[in-house]
N, C-alpha and C. Protein backbone atom coordinates (compact mmCIF):
# COMPACT_ATOMS: atom_id res chain seq x y z
N MET A 1 -49.85 17.82 9.26
CA MET A 1 -49.73 16.65 8.87
C MET A 1 -49.98 16.72 7.39
N HIS A 2 -50.87 17.92 6.72
CA HIS A 2 -50.62 18.44 5.68
C HIS A 2 -49.12 18.80 4.98
N ASP A 3 -48.58 18.86 6.02
CA ASP A 3 -47.11 19.38 5.72
C ASP A 3 -46.19 18.62 5.10
N ASP A 4 -46.39 17.26 6.09
CA ASP A 4 -45.61 15.42 5.58
C ASP A 4 -45.31 15.80 4.13
N PRO A 5 -43.74 15.39 4.00
CA PRO A 5 -44.02 15.32 2.50
C PRO A 5 -44.26 13.84 1.83
N SER A 6 -44.02 12.50 3.12
CA SER A 6 -44.67 11.61 2.52
C SER A 6 -46.10 11.42 2.25
N CYS A 7 -46.63 12.38 3.03
CA CYS A 7 -48.23 12.62 2.94
C CYS A 7 -48.53 12.69 1.51
N ILE A 8 -48.08 13.80 1.07
CA ILE A 8 -48.44 14.72 0.08
C ILE A 8 -47.23 13.94 -0.95
N ALA A 9 -46.63 13.09 -0.90
CA ALA A 9 -46.45 12.33 -1.95
C ALA A 9 -47.42 11.17 -2.38
N SER A 10 -48.04 10.40 -1.46
CA SER A 10 -48.81 9.73 -1.75
C SER A 10 -50.04 10.19 -2.04
N LEU A 11 -50.39 11.98 -1.85
CA LEU A 11 -51.50 12.14 -2.60
C LEU A 11 -51.24 12.59 -4.33
N LEU A 12 -50.26 13.01 -4.08
CA LEU A 12 -50.37 12.94 -5.88
C LEU A 12 -50.02 11.69 -6.72
N ARG A 13 -49.56 11.00 -5.93
CA ARG A 13 -49.34 9.64 -6.88
C ARG A 13 -50.65 8.92 -6.92
N ALA A 14 -51.80 9.07 -5.76
CA ALA A 14 -52.81 8.66 -5.88
C ALA A 14 -53.39 9.11 -6.75
N ARG A 15 -53.57 10.55 -6.74
CA ARG A 15 -54.17 11.62 -8.19
C ARG A 15 -53.29 11.29 -9.23
N TYR A 16 -52.69 10.87 -9.74
CA TYR A 16 -51.86 10.44 -11.08
C TYR A 16 -52.17 9.14 -11.33
N LYS A 17 -52.16 8.33 -10.20
CA LYS A 17 -52.56 6.82 -10.68
C LYS A 17 -54.27 7.08 -11.11
N GLN A 18 -55.93 7.24 -10.61
CA GLN A 18 -56.67 7.90 -11.02
C GLN A 18 -57.08 8.13 -12.17
N ARG A 19 -55.80 8.69 -12.97
CA ARG A 19 -55.77 9.48 -14.44
C ARG A 19 -55.29 8.57 -15.42
N LEU A 20 -55.14 7.41 -14.88
CA LEU A 20 -54.38 6.44 -16.16
C LEU A 20 -55.35 5.68 -16.98
N PRO A 21 -54.97 5.43 -18.38
CA PRO A 21 -56.07 4.75 -18.84
C PRO A 21 -55.55 3.66 -18.66
N SER A 22 -56.16 2.38 -19.44
CA SER A 22 -55.90 1.38 -18.79
C SER A 22 -54.68 0.43 -19.54
N SER A 23 -54.35 1.12 -21.00
CA SER A 23 -53.41 0.88 -21.47
C SER A 23 -52.51 1.77 -22.42
N LEU A 24 -51.68 1.71 -22.75
CA LEU A 24 -50.99 2.89 -23.29
C LEU A 24 -51.56 2.88 -25.00
N ASN A 25 -52.24 1.65 -25.38
CA ASN A 25 -52.98 1.67 -26.81
C ASN A 25 -54.43 2.70 -26.35
N GLU A 26 -54.60 3.17 -25.69
CA GLU A 26 -55.70 3.94 -25.46
C GLU A 26 -55.73 5.29 -25.99
N LEU A 27 -53.72 5.63 -26.11
CA LEU A 27 -53.39 6.74 -26.17
C LEU A 27 -53.41 7.37 -27.83
N ALA A 28 -54.51 7.45 -28.38
CA ALA A 28 -54.59 8.22 -29.42
C ALA A 28 -54.71 9.47 -30.15
N GLY A 29 -54.12 9.87 -29.89
CA GLY A 29 -53.63 11.89 -30.22
C GLY A 29 -53.26 11.44 -31.39
N PRO A 30 -52.93 12.76 -32.21
CA PRO A 30 -52.31 13.28 -33.04
C PRO A 30 -51.11 12.78 -33.26
N GLU A 31 -50.20 12.82 -34.27
CA GLU A 31 -48.67 12.75 -34.88
C GLU A 31 -48.05 13.61 -35.37
N HIS A 32 -49.32 14.44 -35.80
CA HIS A 32 -48.62 15.91 -36.39
C HIS A 32 -49.91 17.02 -36.44
N GLY A 33 -49.41 18.17 -36.54
CA GLY A 33 -50.29 19.20 -36.66
C GLY A 33 -50.35 20.19 -35.27
N MET A 34 -51.40 21.02 -35.53
CA MET A 34 -51.91 22.19 -34.35
C MET A 34 -52.56 21.42 -33.60
N VAL A 35 -52.48 21.65 -31.82
CA VAL A 35 -53.08 21.44 -31.43
C VAL A 35 -53.45 21.94 -30.23
N GLU A 36 -54.70 22.77 -30.32
CA GLU A 36 -55.27 23.21 -28.97
C GLU A 36 -55.26 22.84 -28.04
N LEU A 37 -54.95 23.02 -26.81
CA LEU A 37 -55.38 22.22 -25.28
C LEU A 37 -56.52 23.27 -25.04
N PRO A 38 -57.66 22.79 -24.00
CA PRO A 38 -58.76 23.14 -23.33
C PRO A 38 -58.15 24.32 -22.18
N LEU A 39 -58.77 25.00 -21.74
CA LEU A 39 -58.08 25.64 -20.75
C LEU A 39 -57.99 25.21 -19.29
N HIS A 40 -58.49 23.99 -19.10
CA HIS A 40 -58.34 23.09 -17.96
C HIS A 40 -57.29 22.18 -17.62
N ILE A 41 -56.39 22.44 -18.81
CA ILE A 41 -55.26 21.77 -19.17
C ILE A 41 -53.90 22.60 -19.29
N ALA A 42 -54.35 23.81 -20.18
CA ALA A 42 -52.77 24.98 -20.27
C ALA A 42 -53.93 26.22 -20.03
N TRP A 43 -53.81 26.67 -18.51
CA TRP A 43 -54.57 27.92 -18.28
C TRP A 43 -53.81 28.85 -18.27
N SER A 44 -52.29 28.84 -18.68
CA SER A 44 -51.48 30.14 -18.82
C SER A 44 -50.23 29.39 -19.83
N GLY A 45 -49.94 30.73 -20.78
CA GLY A 45 -49.26 30.32 -21.90
C GLY A 45 -49.32 29.49 -22.71
N LEU A 46 -48.73 29.43 -24.06
CA LEU A 46 -49.07 28.68 -24.83
C LEU A 46 -50.45 27.50 -25.01
N ARG A 47 -50.96 27.84 -25.69
CA ARG A 47 -52.56 26.60 -25.77
C ARG A 47 -52.57 25.91 -26.63
N ILE A 48 -52.35 27.00 -27.54
CA ILE A 48 -52.12 25.81 -29.63
C ILE A 48 -50.58 25.66 -29.60
N LEU A 49 -50.54 24.16 -30.02
CA LEU A 49 -49.21 23.84 -29.88
C LEU A 49 -48.87 22.79 -30.99
N ASN A 50 -47.29 23.16 -32.03
CA ASN A 50 -47.64 22.48 -33.32
C ASN A 50 -46.68 21.35 -32.83
N LEU A 51 -47.12 20.43 -33.35
CA LEU A 51 -46.60 18.68 -32.44
C LEU A 51 -45.59 18.55 -33.69
N ASP A 52 -45.17 19.21 -34.84
CA ASP A 52 -44.29 19.81 -35.64
C ASP A 52 -43.34 20.02 -35.11
N ARG A 53 -42.98 20.78 -34.33
CA ARG A 53 -42.00 21.34 -33.26
C ARG A 53 -41.40 20.43 -32.24
N PRO A 54 -40.46 20.15 -32.23
CA PRO A 54 -40.05 19.50 -31.31
C PRO A 54 -40.28 20.06 -30.14
N ARG A 55 -39.57 20.95 -29.82
CA ARG A 55 -40.48 21.88 -28.06
C ARG A 55 -41.87 21.91 -27.75
N GLN A 56 -42.38 22.49 -28.68
CA GLN A 56 -44.22 22.31 -29.09
C GLN A 56 -44.26 21.23 -28.53
N ARG A 57 -43.36 20.19 -28.62
CA ARG A 57 -44.27 18.77 -28.78
C ARG A 57 -43.88 18.46 -27.58
N VAL A 58 -42.99 18.05 -27.15
CA VAL A 58 -42.28 17.96 -25.77
C VAL A 58 -43.54 19.23 -24.64
N SER A 59 -43.23 20.15 -25.12
CA SER A 59 -44.02 21.11 -23.68
C SER A 59 -45.70 20.55 -24.04
N LEU A 60 -46.25 20.00 -24.93
CA LEU A 60 -47.48 19.85 -24.60
C LEU A 60 -47.58 18.57 -23.93
N TYR A 61 -46.87 17.48 -24.24
CA TYR A 61 -46.97 16.13 -23.62
C TYR A 61 -46.50 16.41 -22.05
N ARG A 62 -45.77 17.01 -21.92
CA ARG A 62 -45.32 17.67 -20.36
C ARG A 62 -46.67 17.98 -19.76
N THR A 63 -47.11 19.11 -20.47
CA THR A 63 -48.46 19.66 -19.60
C THR A 63 -49.59 18.78 -19.70
N VAL A 64 -49.57 17.85 -20.78
CA VAL A 64 -50.67 17.11 -20.80
C VAL A 64 -50.66 15.61 -19.67
N LEU A 65 -49.61 15.40 -19.53
CA LEU A 65 -49.20 14.51 -18.40
C LEU A 65 -49.53 14.86 -17.10
N ALA A 66 -48.82 16.60 -16.55
CA ALA A 66 -49.24 16.70 -15.44
C ALA A 66 -50.42 17.48 -15.11
N GLU A 67 -51.40 17.80 -16.13
CA GLU A 67 -52.87 18.54 -15.84
C GLU A 67 -54.13 17.63 -16.19
N GLY A 68 -54.06 16.63 -17.31
CA GLY A 68 -54.87 16.49 -17.97
C GLY A 68 -55.42 15.31 -17.06
N MET A 69 -56.59 14.84 -17.56
CA MET A 69 -56.90 13.80 -17.05
C MET A 69 -57.35 12.95 -17.93
N ARG A 70 -57.68 11.33 -17.51
CA ARG A 70 -58.17 10.44 -18.25
C ARG A 70 -58.50 10.45 -19.63
N ASP A 71 -59.50 11.41 -19.95
CA ASP A 71 -59.63 11.36 -21.36
C ASP A 71 -58.86 12.40 -22.24
N ASP A 72 -58.64 13.05 -21.25
CA ASP A 72 -57.34 14.45 -22.16
C ASP A 72 -55.87 13.35 -22.27
N LEU A 73 -55.77 12.27 -21.54
CA LEU A 73 -54.68 12.00 -21.96
C LEU A 73 -54.47 11.32 -23.40
N CYS A 74 -55.60 10.47 -23.18
CA CYS A 74 -56.25 9.41 -24.37
C CYS A 74 -56.78 10.10 -26.09
N ARG A 75 -57.22 11.42 -25.87
CA ARG A 75 -57.25 12.34 -26.44
C ARG A 75 -55.64 13.19 -27.53
N PHE A 76 -55.22 13.54 -26.02
CA PHE A 76 -53.99 14.32 -26.93
C PHE A 76 -52.66 13.71 -27.11
N LEU A 77 -52.39 12.91 -26.14
CA LEU A 77 -51.11 12.09 -26.56
C LEU A 77 -51.35 11.00 -27.42
N ASN A 78 -50.19 10.50 -27.67
CA ASN A 78 -49.93 9.43 -28.94
C ASN A 78 -49.16 8.84 -28.31
N LYS A 79 -49.39 7.11 -28.07
CA LYS A 79 -48.54 6.37 -27.46
C LYS A 79 -47.12 6.11 -28.37
N GLY A 80 -46.77 6.08 -29.65
CA GLY A 80 -45.68 6.00 -30.55
C GLY A 80 -44.77 7.39 -29.89
N ILE A 81 -45.68 8.59 -29.52
CA ILE A 81 -44.79 9.73 -29.87
C ILE A 81 -44.46 9.65 -28.19
N LEU A 82 -45.30 9.44 -27.31
CA LEU A 82 -45.03 8.86 -25.96
C LEU A 82 -43.73 8.00 -25.73
N LEU A 83 -43.63 6.66 -26.35
CA LEU A 83 -42.78 6.07 -26.03
C LEU A 83 -41.06 6.70 -26.53
N GLU A 84 -41.44 7.77 -27.73
CA GLU A 84 -40.51 8.09 -28.13
C GLU A 84 -39.42 9.31 -26.80
N LEU A 85 -40.60 9.97 -26.72
CA LEU A 85 -40.28 11.33 -25.54
C LEU A 85 -39.74 10.65 -24.55
N TRP A 86 -40.46 9.66 -24.24
CA TRP A 86 -40.05 9.34 -22.39
C TRP A 86 -38.90 9.56 -21.88
N PRO A 87 -37.92 9.09 -22.78
CA PRO A 87 -36.59 9.47 -22.24
C PRO A 87 -36.30 11.13 -21.72
N LEU A 88 -36.44 11.82 -22.28
CA LEU A 88 -36.37 12.81 -22.39
C LEU A 88 -37.65 13.58 -20.69
N LEU A 89 -38.67 13.35 -21.48
CA LEU A 89 -39.77 13.45 -20.31
C LEU A 89 -39.83 13.19 -18.95
N ARG A 90 -39.03 12.11 -18.64
CA ARG A 90 -38.83 11.41 -17.35
C ARG A 90 -38.60 12.42 -16.64
N LYS A 91 -37.55 13.14 -17.23
CA LYS A 91 -36.31 14.20 -16.73
C LYS A 91 -36.97 15.19 -15.98
N LEU A 92 -38.11 15.68 -17.05
CA LEU A 92 -39.12 17.07 -17.12
C LEU A 92 -40.03 17.23 -16.35
N ILE A 93 -40.79 15.90 -15.76
CA ILE A 93 -42.14 15.64 -15.05
C ILE A 93 -41.71 15.44 -14.14
N SER A 94 -42.92 15.64 -12.51
CA SER A 94 -42.54 15.43 -11.35
C SER A 94 -42.12 13.72 -10.97
N THR A 95 -41.54 13.55 -10.01
CA THR A 95 -41.11 11.99 -9.21
C THR A 95 -42.38 11.52 -9.45
N ALA A 96 -43.70 12.16 -8.90
CA ALA A 96 -45.00 11.35 -8.81
C ALA A 96 -45.67 10.75 -10.38
N ILE A 97 -45.26 11.69 -11.19
CA ILE A 97 -45.72 11.30 -12.68
C ILE A 97 -45.00 10.49 -13.19
N LYS A 98 -44.05 10.50 -12.87
CA LYS A 98 -42.79 9.46 -13.61
C LYS A 98 -43.15 8.04 -13.07
N ASP A 99 -43.09 7.74 -11.94
CA ASP A 99 -43.10 7.00 -10.77
C ASP A 99 -44.22 5.93 -11.31
N VAL A 100 -45.65 6.69 -11.22
CA VAL A 100 -46.83 6.26 -11.33
C VAL A 100 -47.09 5.58 -12.61
N ARG A 101 -46.51 6.32 -13.61
CA ARG A 101 -46.57 5.52 -14.87
C ARG A 101 -45.55 4.86 -14.96
N GLU A 102 -44.60 4.50 -14.57
CA GLU A 102 -43.37 3.79 -15.02
C GLU A 102 -43.86 2.21 -14.45
N GLU A 103 -45.08 2.55 -13.14
CA GLU A 103 -45.04 1.51 -12.86
C GLU A 103 -46.32 0.95 -13.56
N ALA A 104 -47.07 1.16 -13.68
CA ALA A 104 -48.47 1.16 -14.57
C ALA A 104 -47.93 0.38 -16.14
N PHE A 105 -47.18 1.12 -17.01
CA PHE A 105 -46.80 0.80 -18.21
C PHE A 105 -45.13 0.51 -18.20
N PRO A 106 -44.84 -1.17 -18.05
CA PRO A 106 -43.23 -1.18 -17.77
C PRO A 106 -42.67 -0.56 -19.38
N GLU A 107 -43.45 -0.95 -20.71
CA GLU A 107 -42.93 -0.65 -21.62
C GLU A 107 -42.29 0.96 -21.55
N LEU A 108 -42.77 1.94 -20.57
CA LEU A 108 -41.80 3.12 -20.88
C LEU A 108 -40.59 3.05 -20.13
């Protein structure tokens, strides 16, 4: 049962759905500068990222979308930047993350 792909996909979707803010307007993260991610989000690799460097900005958003809890999304993500990056991010994140967010937020 635990190896059933549809069961795993449902569990992942439920996990990501419970982490969503009620609105993208809650995403009030920084637009520029250095951001240090806590260990519960980024436990390996870069933890301090520069939002003014495009690759690091994409890396931060990808990591927070995958590993962050609701409060983390609101703290580290910015609505304007997320909307700007979404066409690229949606190709880099898992299907579960992408689908849950696009269903909840049609503006994406």
